[in-house]
């Protein structure tokens, strides 16, 4: 498994580490620089700068990269951007990108939003030692293989701290070694050691990426018209997980939640006769009836057929 150790703003870390209720964060870059170093679920490890001794202070699991306008980032992630207010966030962005903290607010300024789930922050007494091979001239970050060398040491130490500060996030994939095992990498395995818990905003982005930003039924590509629908509603115990999601055009999402449309376990889109009976219309929807839906190319993210069956059997109006 790969990991990226990335330079981290101390104020960003200090703000987020003080609020354990935040379950998704935006590790933003001030000028929109892209990130291509990680795949879904791989860790981005937070490292402070030279003034704080290059110490490692936490990590999060990569969901997606998005170029976002500042206002859009604030509306989506709020305090998960590492600031108490939009004004405070803009002050940091302008200081880093424009070399002044007093530039006029530009809501259209684009930042590089690195969206992370399951963030873990270590208190100062548990900071991890700096990478032994770190060079001061590294600006953005450095990639590591978590199975060998310094990468293994860093990830092992991060898991050790996480076992103390966020034990519920650790996964035991089967038969663990005895509880006295000192090495978390041996105790929990090598890959997918931390639960990938999405929040509402990262759920939407992850579902968008899984479906290639296209409606599963109509192939509509206009992002403002698309919404991530929960197959099993979140209010009824459905998780923020990609297999519990469908990317639908907004009107289809509303009809899906109301039971006027559904998706069968064999992945056919269905339109209820009740739509015509209740509203004397629906002409634009009935041609979609029994159309096969598009599904993610990555089988890990395919819609959960048991939850589809539950929706079709209990919510679809007949």
C-alpha atoms as a PDB file:
ATOM      1  CA  UNK A   1       0.000   0.000   0.000  1.00  0.00           C
ATOM      2  CA  UNK A   2       1.170   3.519  -0.773  1.00  0.00           C
ATOM      3  CA  UNK A   3       1.077   6.483   1.569  1.00  0.00           C
ATOM      4  CA  UNK A   4       1.815  10.144   0.996  1.00  0.00           C
ATOM      5  CA  UNK A   5       3.533  12.101   3.758  1.00  0.00           C
ATOM      6  CA  UNK A   6       2.512  15.719   3.167  1.00  0.00           C
ATOM      7  CA  UNK A   7       3.556  19.047   4.667  1.00  0.00           C
ATOM      8  CA  UNK A   8       0.752  20.276   6.908  1.00  0.00           C
ATOM      9  CA  UNK A   9      -0.171  23.727   8.165  1.00  0.00           C
ATOM     10  CA  UNK A  10       0.104  23.807  11.963  1.00  0.00           C
ATOM     11  CA  UNK A  11      -3.023  25.949  12.423  1.00  0.00           C
ATOM     12  CA  UNK A  12      -5.018  23.483  10.275  1.00  0.00           C
ATOM     13  CA  UNK A  13      -3.829  20.614  12.478  1.00  0.00           C
ATOM     14  CA  UNK A  14      -4.401  22.499  15.735  1.00  0.00           C
ATOM     15  CA  UNK A  15      -7.963  23.475  14.819  1.00  0.00           C
ATOM     16  CA  UNK A  16      -9.056  20.025  13.635  1.00  0.00           C
ATOM     17  CA  UNK A  17      -7.334  18.079  16.420  1.00  0.00           C
ATOM     18  CA  UNK A  18      -9.417  20.055  18.931  1.00  0.00           C
ATOM     19  CA  UNK A  19     -12.727  18.917  17.393  1.00  0.00           C
ATOM     20  CA  UNK A  20     -13.176  15.115  17.460  1.00  0.00           C
ATOM     21  CA  UNK A  21     -16.670  15.413  15.953  1.00  0.00           C
ATOM     22  CA  UNK A  22     -15.282  16.202  12.483  1.00  0.00           C
ATOM     23  CA  UNK A  23     -15.368  13.000  10.418  1.00  0.00           C
ATOM     24  CA  UNK A  24     -14.188  14.301   7.023  1.00  0.00           C
ATOM     25  CA  UNK A  25     -11.627  16.961   6.146  1.00  0.00           C
ATOM     26  CA  UNK A  26     -10.408  19.005   3.214  1.00  0.00           C
ATOM     27  CA  UNK A  27      -6.612  18.956   3.075  1.00  0.00           C
ATOM     28  CA  UNK A  28      -6.573  21.894   0.697  1.00  0.00           C
ATOM     29  CA  UNK A  29      -3.815  23.260  -1.472  1.00  0.00           C
ATOM     30  CA  UNK A  30      -4.020  27.044  -1.823  1.00  0.00           C
ATOM     31  CA  UNK A  31      -3.525  27.311  -5.583  1.00  0.00           C
ATOM     32  CA  UNK A  32      -5.323  24.259  -6.985  1.00  0.00           C
ATOM     33  CA  UNK A  33      -2.317  21.991  -7.513  1.00  0.00           C
ATOM     34  CA  UNK A  34      -3.450  18.503  -8.497  1.00  0.00           C
ATOM     35  CA  UNK A  35      -2.789  15.317  -6.514  1.00  0.00           C
ATOM     36  CA  UNK A  36      -2.125  12.100  -8.408  1.00  0.00           C
ATOM     37  CA  UNK A  37      -0.126  10.198  -5.801  1.00  0.00           C
ATOM     38  CA  UNK A  38      -2.923   8.283  -4.034  1.00  0.00           C
ATOM     39  CA  UNK A  39      -5.792   5.948  -4.834  1.00  0.00           C
ATOM     40  CA  UNK A  40      -9.080   5.650  -2.958  1.00  0.00           C
ATOM     41  CA  UNK A  41      -8.529   4.477   0.627  1.00  0.00           C
ATOM     42  CA  UNK A  42      -4.765   5.074   0.793  1.00  0.00           C
ATOM     43  CA  UNK A  43      -3.451   7.228   3.668  1.00  0.00           C
ATOM     44  CA  UNK A  44      -2.301  10.810   3.484  1.00  0.00           C
ATOM     45  CA  UNK A  45      -0.079  11.360   6.512  1.00  0.00           C
ATOM     46  CA  UNK A  46       0.086  14.815   8.115  1.00  0.00           C
ATOM     47  CA  UNK A  47       3.626  16.113   8.741  1.00  0.00           C
ATOM     48  CA  UNK A  48       4.363  19.476  10.301  1.00  0.00           C
ATOM     49  CA  UNK A  49       7.040  21.719   8.890  1.00  0.00           C
ATOM     50  CA  UNK A  50      10.618  22.287   9.986  1.00  0.00           C
ATOM     51  CA  UNK A  51       9.655  24.746  12.743  1.00  0.00           C
ATOM     52  CA  UNK A  52       7.767  21.917  14.494  1.00  0.00           C
ATOM     53  CA  UNK A  53      10.519  19.367  13.896  1.00  0.00           C
ATOM     54  CA  UNK A  54       8.895  17.681  10.874  1.00  0.00           C
ATOM     55  CA  UNK A  55       6.832  15.574  13.303  1.00  0.00           C
ATOM     56  CA  UNK A  56       3.925  13.466  12.024  1.00  0.00           C
ATOM     57  CA  UNK A  57       0.654  14.395  13.715  1.00  0.00           C
ATOM     58  CA  UNK A  58      -2.051  12.249  12.111  1.00  0.00           C
ATOM     59  CA  UNK A  59      -3.478  10.905   8.881  1.00  0.00           C
ATOM     60  CA  UNK A  60      -6.645  10.552   6.806  1.00  0.00           C
ATOM     61  CA  UNK A  61      -7.798   8.205   4.048  1.00  0.00           C
ATOM     62  CA  UNK A  62      -7.905   9.571   0.511  1.00  0.00           C
ATOM     63  CA  UNK A  63     -11.334   9.849  -1.127  1.00  0.00           C
ATOM     64  CA  UNK A  64     -10.841  12.150  -4.113  1.00  0.00           C
ATOM     65  CA  UNK A  65      -9.228  15.294  -5.456  1.00  0.00           C
ATOM     66  CA  UNK A  66     -11.378  18.193  -6.642  1.00  0.00           C
ATOM     67  CA  UNK A  67     -10.533  21.725  -7.803  1.00  0.00           C
ATOM     68  CA  UNK A  68     -13.110  23.719  -5.822  1.00  0.00           C
ATOM     69  CA  UNK A  69     -13.994  27.368  -5.519  1.00  0.00           C
ATOM     70  CA  UNK A  70     -13.378  28.670  -2.003  1.00  0.00           C
ATOM     71  CA  UNK A  71     -17.071  29.245  -1.311  1.00  0.00           C
ATOM     72  CA  UNK A  72     -17.957  25.791  -2.666  1.00  0.00           C
ATOM     73  CA  UNK A  73     -15.350  24.178  -0.405  1.00  0.00           C
ATOM     74  CA  UNK A  74     -16.744  26.025   2.610  1.00  0.00           C
ATOM     75  CA  UNK A  75     -20.356  25.152   1.796  1.00  0.00           C
ATOM     76  CA  UNK A  76     -19.420  21.465   1.399  1.00  0.00           C
ATOM     77  CA  UNK A  77     -17.017  20.966   4.321  1.00  0.00           C
ATOM     78  CA  UNK A  78     -17.393  23.942   6.663  1.00  0.00           C
ATOM     79  CA  UNK A  79     -15.162  23.489   9.713  1.00  0.00           C
ATOM     80  CA  UNK A  80     -13.686  20.401   8.041  1.00  0.00           C
ATOM     81  CA  UNK A  81     -11.563  22.881   6.074  1.00  0.00           C
ATOM     82  CA  UNK A  82      -9.620  23.485   9.284  1.00  0.00           C
ATOM     83  CA  UNK A  83     -11.016  26.934  10.072  1.00  0.00           C
ATOM     84  CA  UNK A  84     -13.814  28.313  12.228  1.00  0.00           C
ATOM     85  CA  UNK A  85     -15.158  30.692   9.560  1.00  0.00           C
ATOM     86  CA  UNK A  86     -14.985  31.266   5.821  1.00  0.00           C
ATOM     87  CA  UNK A  87     -13.122  34.515   6.498  1.00  0.00           C
ATOM     88  CA  UNK A  88     -10.472  32.705   8.520  1.00  0.00           C
ATOM     89  CA  UNK A  89     -10.085  30.107   5.785  1.00  0.00           C
ATOM     90  CA  UNK A  90      -9.706  32.811   3.131  1.00  0.00           C
ATOM     91  CA  UNK A  91      -7.096  34.622   5.220  1.00  0.00           C
ATOM     92  CA  UNK A  92      -4.936  31.488   5.250  1.00  0.00           C
ATOM     93  CA  UNK A  93      -5.446  30.829   1.544  1.00  0.00           C
ATOM     94  CA  UNK A  94      -4.586  34.387   0.538  1.00  0.00           C
ATOM     95  CA  UNK A  95      -1.498  34.362   2.764  1.00  0.00           C
ATOM     96  CA  UNK A  96      -0.209  31.177   1.135  1.00  0.00           C
ATOM     97  CA  UNK A  97      -1.349  31.736  -2.454  1.00  0.00           C
ATOM     98  CA  UNK A  98      -1.213  35.532  -2.741  1.00  0.00           C
ATOM     99  CA  UNK A  99       1.465  36.321  -0.121  1.00  0.00           C
ATOM    100  CA  UNK A 100      -0.906  38.525   1.864  1.00  0.00           C
ATOM    101  CA  UNK A 101      -3.522  37.700   4.493  1.00  0.00           C
ATOM    102  CA  UNK A 102      -5.581  40.797   3.670  1.00  0.00           C
ATOM    103  CA  UNK A 103      -6.411  40.277  -0.016  1.00  0.00           C
ATOM    104  CA  UNK A 104     -10.058  41.050  -0.943  1.00  0.00           C
ATOM    105  CA  UNK A 105     -12.204  37.946  -0.626  1.00  0.00           C
ATOM    106  CA  UNK A 106     -12.497  36.109  -3.929  1.00  0.00           C
ATOM    107  CA  UNK A 107     -15.187  33.384  -3.680  1.00  0.00           C
ATOM    108  CA  UNK A 108     -14.241  32.109  -7.155  1.00  0.00           C
ATOM    109  CA  UNK A 109     -10.583  31.462  -6.268  1.00  0.00           C
ATOM    110  CA  UNK A 110      -9.918  27.763  -6.888  1.00  0.00           C
ATOM    111  CA  UNK A 111      -8.097  25.589  -4.391  1.00  0.00           C
ATOM    112  CA  UNK A 112      -6.974  22.002  -4.727  1.00  0.00           C
ATOM    113  CA  UNK A 113      -9.284  20.062  -2.426  1.00  0.00           C
ATOM    114  CA  UNK A 114      -7.833  16.762  -1.215  1.00  0.00           C
ATOM    115  CA  UNK A 115     -10.825  15.113   0.423  1.00  0.00           C
ATOM    116  CA  UNK A 116     -10.103  12.730   3.265  1.00  0.00           C
ATOM    117  CA  UNK A 117     -12.225  10.389   5.381  1.00  0.00           C
ATOM    118  CA  UNK A 118     -11.564   8.896   8.837  1.00  0.00           C
ATOM    119  CA  UNK A 119      -9.130  11.611   9.988  1.00  0.00           C
ATOM    120  CA  UNK A 120      -7.021  10.809  13.047  1.00  0.00           C
ATOM    121  CA  UNK A 121      -5.005  13.434  14.929  1.00  0.00           C
ATOM    122  CA  UNK A 122      -2.340  12.708  17.541  1.00  0.00           C
ATOM    123  CA  UNK A 123      -1.908  14.869  20.653  1.00  0.00           C
ATOM    124  CA  UNK A 124       1.525  16.423  20.978  1.00  0.00           C
ATOM    125  CA  UNK A 125       2.818  13.796  23.394  1.00  0.00           C
ATOM    126  CA  UNK A 126       2.129  11.130  20.741  1.00  0.00           C
ATOM    127  CA  UNK A 127       3.624  12.780  17.691  1.00  0.00           C
ATOM    128  CA  UNK A 128       5.539  10.391  15.424  1.00  0.00           C
ATOM    129  CA  UNK A 129       9.228  10.955  14.694  1.00  0.00           C
ATOM    130  CA  UNK A 130      10.051  12.739  11.460  1.00  0.00           C
ATOM    131  CA  UNK A 131      10.862  10.680   8.350  1.00  0.00           C
ATOM    132  CA  UNK A 132      14.521   9.845   8.481  1.00  0.00           C
ATOM    133  CA  UNK A 133      14.986  10.517   4.768  1.00  0.00           C
ATOM    134  CA  UNK A 134      13.079  13.816   4.562  1.00  0.00           C
ATOM    135  CA  UNK A 135      14.752  16.655   2.656  1.00  0.00           C
ATOM    136  CA  UNK A 136      13.955  20.264   3.610  1.00  0.00           C
ATOM    137  CA  UNK A 137      13.413  21.237  -0.007  1.00  0.00           C
ATOM    138  CA  UNK A 138      10.375  18.937  -0.358  1.00  0.00           C
ATOM    139  CA  UNK A 139       7.382  21.261  -0.775  1.00  0.00           C
ATOM    140  CA  UNK A 140       4.261  19.140  -1.274  1.00  0.00           C
ATOM    141  CA  UNK A 141       5.001  15.637  -0.035  1.00  0.00           C
ATOM    142  CA  UNK A 142       6.838  12.369  -0.451  1.00  0.00           C
ATOM    143  CA  UNK A 143       5.405   8.933  -1.270  1.00  0.00           C
ATOM    144  CA  UNK A 144       6.232   5.781   0.673  1.00  0.00           C
ATOM    145  CA  UNK A 145       5.586   2.044   0.438  1.00  0.00           C
ATOM    146  CA  UNK A 146       4.042   1.104   3.798  1.00  0.00           C
ATOM    147  CA  UNK A 147       5.445  -2.437   3.664  1.00  0.00           C
ATOM    148  CA  UNK A 148       9.157  -1.615   3.694  1.00  0.00           C
ATOM    149  CA  UNK A 149      11.729   0.693   5.247  1.00  0.00           C
ATOM    150  CA  UNK A 150      10.792   4.128   6.505  1.00  0.00           C
ATOM    151  CA  UNK A 151       7.304   3.797   5.059  1.00  0.00           C
ATOM    152  CA  UNK A 152       6.627   0.733   7.167  1.00  0.00           C
ATOM    153  CA  UNK A 153       8.028   2.388  10.297  1.00  0.00           C
ATOM    154  CA  UNK A 154       5.941   5.527   9.827  1.00  0.00           C
ATOM    155  CA  UNK A 155       2.704   3.623   9.147  1.00  0.00           C
ATOM    156  CA  UNK A 156       3.339   1.228  12.047  1.00  0.00           C
ATOM    157  CA  UNK A 157       3.823   4.172  14.408  1.00  0.00           C
ATOM    158  CA  UNK A 158       0.693   5.884  13.070  1.00  0.00           C
ATOM    159  CA  UNK A 159      -1.359   2.731  13.685  1.00  0.00           C
ATOM    160  CA  UNK A 160       0.083   2.445  17.165  1.00  0.00           C
ATOM    161  CA  UNK A 161      -1.119   5.983  17.997  1.00  0.00           C
ATOM    162  CA  UNK A 162      -4.479   5.389  16.309  1.00  0.00           C
ATOM    163  CA  UNK A 163      -5.031   2.327  18.486  1.00  0.00           C
ATOM    164  CA  UNK A 164      -4.992   4.707  21.473  1.00  0.00           C
ATOM    165  CA  UNK A 165      -6.797   7.789  20.150  1.00  0.00           C
ATOM    166  CA  UNK A 166      -9.301   6.198  17.695  1.00  0.00           C
ATOM    167  CA  UNK A 167      -9.486   2.430  18.321  1.00  0.00           C
ATOM    168  CA  UNK A 168     -12.926   2.109  16.681  1.00  0.00           C
ATOM    169  CA  UNK A 169     -11.391   2.991  13.311  1.00  0.00           C
ATOM    170  CA  UNK A 170      -9.021   0.033  13.257  1.00  0.00           C
ATOM    171  CA  UNK A 171     -10.065  -3.084  11.361  1.00  0.00           C
ATOM    172  CA  UNK A 172      -9.312  -6.602  12.518  1.00  0.00           C
ATOM    173  CA  UNK A 173      -9.597  -8.505   9.219  1.00  0.00           C
ATOM    174  CA  UNK A 174      -9.717 -12.022  10.615  1.00  0.00           C
ATOM    175  CA  UNK A 175      -7.551 -13.877  13.023  1.00  0.00           C
ATOM    176  CA  UNK A 176      -5.290 -11.332  14.707  1.00  0.00           C
ATOM    177  CA  UNK A 177      -2.089 -12.106  16.483  1.00  0.00           C
ATOM    178  CA  UNK A 178      -2.283 -12.070  20.275  1.00  0.00           C
ATOM    179  CA  UNK A 179      -3.236  -8.734  21.804  1.00  0.00           C
ATOM    180  CA  UNK A 180       0.278  -8.340  23.167  1.00  0.00           C
ATOM    181  CA  UNK A 181       1.763  -8.110  19.670  1.00  0.00           C
ATOM    182  CA  UNK A 182       3.724  -4.854  19.637  1.00  0.00           C
ATOM    183  CA  UNK A 183       3.577  -4.280  15.878  1.00  0.00           C
ATOM    184  CA  UNK A 184       0.107  -3.127  14.714  1.00  0.00           C
ATOM    185  CA  UNK A 185       1.047  -3.992  11.127  1.00  0.00           C
ATOM    186  CA  UNK A 186       1.472  -7.604  12.216  1.00  0.00           C
ATOM    187  CA  UNK A 187      -1.608  -7.513  14.395  1.00  0.00           C
ATOM    188  CA  UNK A 188      -3.996  -6.021  11.839  1.00  0.00           C
ATOM    189  CA  UNK A 189      -2.437  -6.972   8.507  1.00  0.00           C
ATOM    190  CA  UNK A 190      -0.932  -4.698   5.877  1.00  0.00           C
ATOM    191  CA  UNK A 191      -3.760  -3.368   3.695  1.00  0.00           C
ATOM    192  CA  UNK A 192      -6.941  -1.534   4.671  1.00  0.00           C
ATOM    193  CA  UNK A 193      -6.114  -1.279   8.338  1.00  0.00           C
ATOM    194  CA  UNK A 194      -8.411   1.660   9.012  1.00  0.00           C
ATOM    195  CA  UNK A 195     -12.154   1.863   8.446  1.00  0.00           C
ATOM    196  CA  UNK A 196     -12.981   4.149   5.539  1.00  0.00           C
ATOM    197  CA  UNK A 197     -15.808   6.135   7.170  1.00  0.00           C
ATOM    198  CA  UNK A 198     -17.225   8.699   4.795  1.00  0.00           C
ATOM    199  CA  UNK A 199     -19.104  11.801   5.872  1.00  0.00           C
ATOM    200  CA  UNK A 200     -21.980  13.288   3.883  1.00  0.00           C
ATOM    201  CA  UNK A 201     -19.792  15.460   1.642  1.00  0.00           C
ATOM    202  CA  UNK A 202     -17.138  12.816   0.953  1.00  0.00           C
ATOM    203  CA  UNK A 203     -19.927  10.267   0.310  1.00  0.00           C
ATOM    204  CA  UNK A 204     -21.232  12.429  -2.523  1.00  0.00           C
ATOM    205  CA  UNK A 205     -17.793  12.934  -4.049  1.00  0.00           C
ATOM    206  CA  UNK A 206     -16.895   9.242  -3.753  1.00  0.00           C
ATOM    207  CA  UNK A 207     -20.148   8.167  -5.426  1.00  0.00           C
ATOM    208  CA  UNK A 208     -19.597  10.748  -8.190  1.00  0.00           C
ATOM    209  CA  UNK A 209     -16.138   9.355  -8.888  1.00  0.00           C
ATOM    210  CA  UNK A 210     -17.333   5.735  -8.779  1.00  0.00           C
ATOM    211  CA  UNK A 211     -19.983   6.483 -11.435  1.00  0.00           C
ATOM    212  CA  UNK A 212     -17.735   8.673 -13.557  1.00  0.00           C
ATOM    213  CA  UNK A 213     -19.875  11.758 -12.776  1.00  0.00           C
ATOM    214  CA  UNK A 214     -22.761  10.361 -14.845  1.00  0.00           C
ATOM    215  CA  UNK A 215     -26.301   9.480 -13.816  1.00  0.00           C
ATOM    216  CA  UNK A 216     -26.623   5.695 -13.521  1.00  0.00           C
ATOM    217  CA  UNK A 217     -29.930   5.825 -15.443  1.00  0.00           C
ATOM    218  CA  UNK A 218     -29.783   8.696 -17.952  1.00  0.00           C
ATOM    219  CA  UNK A 219     -26.012   9.232 -18.332  1.00  0.00           C
ATOM    220  CA  UNK A 220     -26.524  12.926 -17.493  1.00  0.00           C
ATOM    221  CA  UNK A 221     -23.069  14.478 -16.917  1.00  0.00           C
ATOM    222  CA  UNK A 222     -23.955  17.936 -15.578  1.00  0.00           C
ATOM    223  CA  UNK A 223     -22.574  17.810 -12.047  1.00  0.00           C
ATOM    224  CA  UNK A 224     -24.997  20.381 -10.553  1.00  0.00           C
ATOM    225  CA  UNK A 225     -27.890  18.159 -11.734  1.00  0.00           C
ATOM    226  CA  UNK A 226     -26.534  15.018 -10.040  1.00  0.00           C
ATOM    227  CA  UNK A 227     -26.978  13.770  -6.486  1.00  0.00           C
ATOM    228  CA  UNK A 228     -25.683  10.810  -4.517  1.00  0.00           C
ATOM    229  CA  UNK A 229     -28.739   8.831  -3.399  1.00  0.00           C
ATOM    230  CA  UNK A 230     -28.635   6.428  -0.459  1.00  0.00           C
ATOM    231  CA  UNK A 231     -30.194   3.076  -1.346  1.00  0.00           C
ATOM    232  CA  UNK A 232     -30.951   2.480   2.332  1.00  0.00           C
ATOM    233  CA  UNK A 233     -31.637   5.916   3.829  1.00  0.00           C
ATOM    234  CA  UNK A 234     -29.017   7.229   6.212  1.00  0.00           C
ATOM    235  CA  UNK A 235     -31.792   8.058   8.683  1.00  0.00           C
ATOM    236  CA  UNK A 236     -32.717   4.368   8.708  1.00  0.00           C
ATOM    237  CA  UNK A 237     -29.238   3.016   9.316  1.00  0.00           C
ATOM    238  CA  UNK A 238     -27.889   3.121   5.782  1.00  0.00           C
ATOM    239  CA  UNK A 239     -24.174   3.959   5.837  1.00  0.00           C
ATOM    240  CA  UNK A 240     -22.250   6.594   3.914  1.00  0.00           C
ATOM    241  CA  UNK A 241     -20.616   3.866   1.794  1.00  0.00           C
ATOM    242  CA  UNK A 242     -20.295   3.745  -1.976  1.00  0.00           C
ATOM    243  CA  UNK A 243     -22.162   0.392  -2.358  1.00  0.00           C
ATOM    244  CA  UNK A 244     -25.091   2.064  -0.553  1.00  0.00           C
ATOM    245  CA  UNK A 245     -25.099   4.830  -3.146  1.00  0.00           C
ATOM    246  CA  UNK A 246     -26.442   5.509  -6.624  1.00  0.00           C
ATOM    247  CA  UNK A 247     -25.572   8.593  -8.639  1.00  0.00           C
ATOM    248  CA  UNK A 248     -28.884   9.903  -9.969  1.00  0.00           C
ATOM    249  CA  UNK A 249     -30.218  12.995 -11.650  1.00  0.00           C
ATOM    250  CA  UNK A 250     -31.803  15.138  -8.942  1.00  0.00           C
ATOM    251  CA  UNK A 251     -35.394  14.500 -10.028  1.00  0.00           C
ATOM    252  CA  UNK A 252     -34.801  10.736 -10.129  1.00  0.00           C
ATOM    253  CA  UNK A 253     -33.260  10.934  -6.657  1.00  0.00           C
ATOM    254  CA  UNK A 254     -36.413  12.530  -5.285  1.00  0.00           C
ATOM    255  CA  UNK A 255     -38.608   9.927  -6.991  1.00  0.00           C
ATOM    256  CA  UNK A 256     -36.340   7.144  -5.686  1.00  0.00           C
ATOM    257  CA  UNK A 257     -36.634   8.390  -2.108  1.00  0.00           C
ATOM    258  CA  UNK A 258     -40.419   8.670  -2.497  1.00  0.00           C
ATOM    259  CA  UNK A 259     -40.731   5.146  -3.920  1.00  0.00           C
ATOM    260  CA  UNK A 260     -41.988   6.116  -7.378  1.00  0.00           C
ATOM    261  CA  UNK A 261     -38.871   4.619  -8.976  1.00  0.00           C
ATOM    262  CA  UNK A 262     -36.525   1.875  -7.836  1.00  0.00           C
ATOM    263  CA  UNK A 263     -33.704  -0.404  -8.996  1.00  0.00           C
ATOM    264  CA  UNK A 264     -34.122  -4.172  -8.892  1.00  0.00           C
ATOM    265  CA  UNK A 265     -31.420  -6.502  -7.554  1.00  0.00           C
ATOM    266  CA  UNK A 266     -30.654  -7.439 -11.173  1.00  0.00           C
ATOM    267  CA  UNK A 267     -29.923  -3.728 -11.808  1.00  0.00           C
ATOM    268  CA  UNK A 268     -32.998  -2.736 -13.806  1.00  0.00           C
ATOM    269  CA  UNK A 269     -34.520   0.695 -13.315  1.00  0.00           C
ATOM    270  CA  UNK A 270     -38.244   0.550 -12.591  1.00  0.00           C
ATOM    271  CA  UNK A 271     -40.924   3.242 -12.728  1.00  0.00           C
ATOM    272  CA  UNK A 272     -44.077   2.710 -10.684  1.00  0.00           C
ATOM    273  CA  UNK A 273     -47.562   2.865 -12.235  1.00  0.00           C
ATOM    274  CA  UNK A 274     -48.453   4.951  -9.194  1.00  0.00           C
ATOM    275  CA  UNK A 275     -46.649   7.909 -10.733  1.00  0.00           C
ATOM    276  CA  UNK A 276     -49.302   8.056 -13.453  1.00  0.00           C
ATOM    277  CA  UNK A 277     -52.141   7.190 -11.097  1.00  0.00           C
ATOM    278  CA  UNK A 278     -51.210   9.740  -8.411  1.00  0.00           C
ATOM    279  CA  UNK A 279     -50.187  12.668 -10.631  1.00  0.00           C
ATOM    280  CA  UNK A 280     -51.666  11.948 -14.077  1.00  0.00           C
ATOM    281  CA  UNK A 281     -48.254  12.394 -15.659  1.00  0.00           C
ATOM    282  CA  UNK A 282     -44.806  10.827 -15.838  1.00  0.00           C
ATOM    283  CA  UNK A 283     -44.491  10.641 -19.617  1.00  0.00           C
ATOM    284  CA  UNK A 284     -40.773  11.490 -19.486  1.00  0.00           C
ATOM    285  CA  UNK A 285     -40.079   8.710 -16.980  1.00  0.00           C
ATOM    286  CA  UNK A 286     -41.895   5.673 -18.358  1.00  0.00           C
ATOM    287  CA  UNK A 287     -39.467   5.279 -21.311  1.00  0.00           C
ATOM    288  CA  UNK A 288     -36.785   4.638 -18.665  1.00  0.00           C
ATOM    289  CA  UNK A 289     -38.694   1.697 -17.167  1.00  0.00           C
ATOM    290  CA  UNK A 290     -36.702  -1.580 -17.220  1.00  0.00           C
ATOM    291  CA  UNK A 291     -33.595   0.172 -18.506  1.00  0.00           C
ATOM    292  CA  UNK A 292     -30.392  -1.418 -17.113  1.00  0.00           C
ATOM    293  CA  UNK A 293     -28.436   0.992 -14.956  1.00  0.00           C
ATOM    294  CA  UNK A 294     -24.750   1.764 -15.365  1.00  0.00           C
ATOM    295  CA  UNK A 295     -22.563   0.557 -12.498  1.00  0.00           C
ATOM    296  CA  UNK A 296     -19.042   1.439 -11.336  1.00  0.00           C
ATOM    297  CA  UNK A 297     -16.188  -0.200 -13.207  1.00  0.00           C
ATOM    298  CA  UNK A 298     -14.578  -1.053  -9.857  1.00  0.00           C
ATOM    299  CA  UNK A 299     -16.487  -4.063  -8.502  1.00  0.00           C
ATOM    300  CA  UNK A 300     -15.811  -2.933  -4.920  1.00  0.00           C
ATOM    301  CA  UNK A 301     -18.220  -0.050  -5.458  1.00  0.00           C
ATOM    302  CA  UNK A 302     -21.086  -1.916  -7.159  1.00  0.00           C
ATOM    303  CA  UNK A 303     -24.508  -1.221  -5.612  1.00  0.00           C
ATOM    304  CA  UNK A 304     -25.415  -3.496  -2.716  1.00  0.00           C
ATOM    305  CA  UNK A 305     -27.974  -5.934  -4.141  1.00  0.00           C
ATOM    306  CA  UNK A 306     -29.448  -6.793  -0.761  1.00  0.00           C
ATOM    307  CA  UNK A 307     -30.196  -3.134  -0.111  1.00  0.00           C
ATOM    308  CA  UNK A 308     -31.583  -2.774  -3.637  1.00  0.00           C
ATOM    309  CA  UNK A 309     -33.897  -5.722  -2.944  1.00  0.00           C
ATOM    310  CA  UNK A 310     -35.015  -4.109   0.314  1.00  0.00           C
ATOM    311  CA  UNK A 311     -35.816  -0.837  -1.470  1.00  0.00           C
ATOM    312  CA  UNK A 312     -37.651  -2.577  -4.306  1.00  0.00           C
ATOM    313  CA  UNK A 313     -39.661  -4.820  -1.981  1.00  0.00           C
ATOM    314  CA  UNK A 314     -40.541  -2.328   0.758  1.00  0.00           C
ATOM    315  CA  UNK A 315     -40.411   1.223  -0.683  1.00  0.00           C
ATOM    316  CA  UNK A 316     -41.326   0.850  -4.360  1.00  0.00           C
ATOM    317  CA  UNK A 317     -44.981   1.830  -4.777  1.00  0.00           C
ATOM    318  CA  UNK A 318     -47.248  -0.660  -6.497  1.00  0.00           C
END
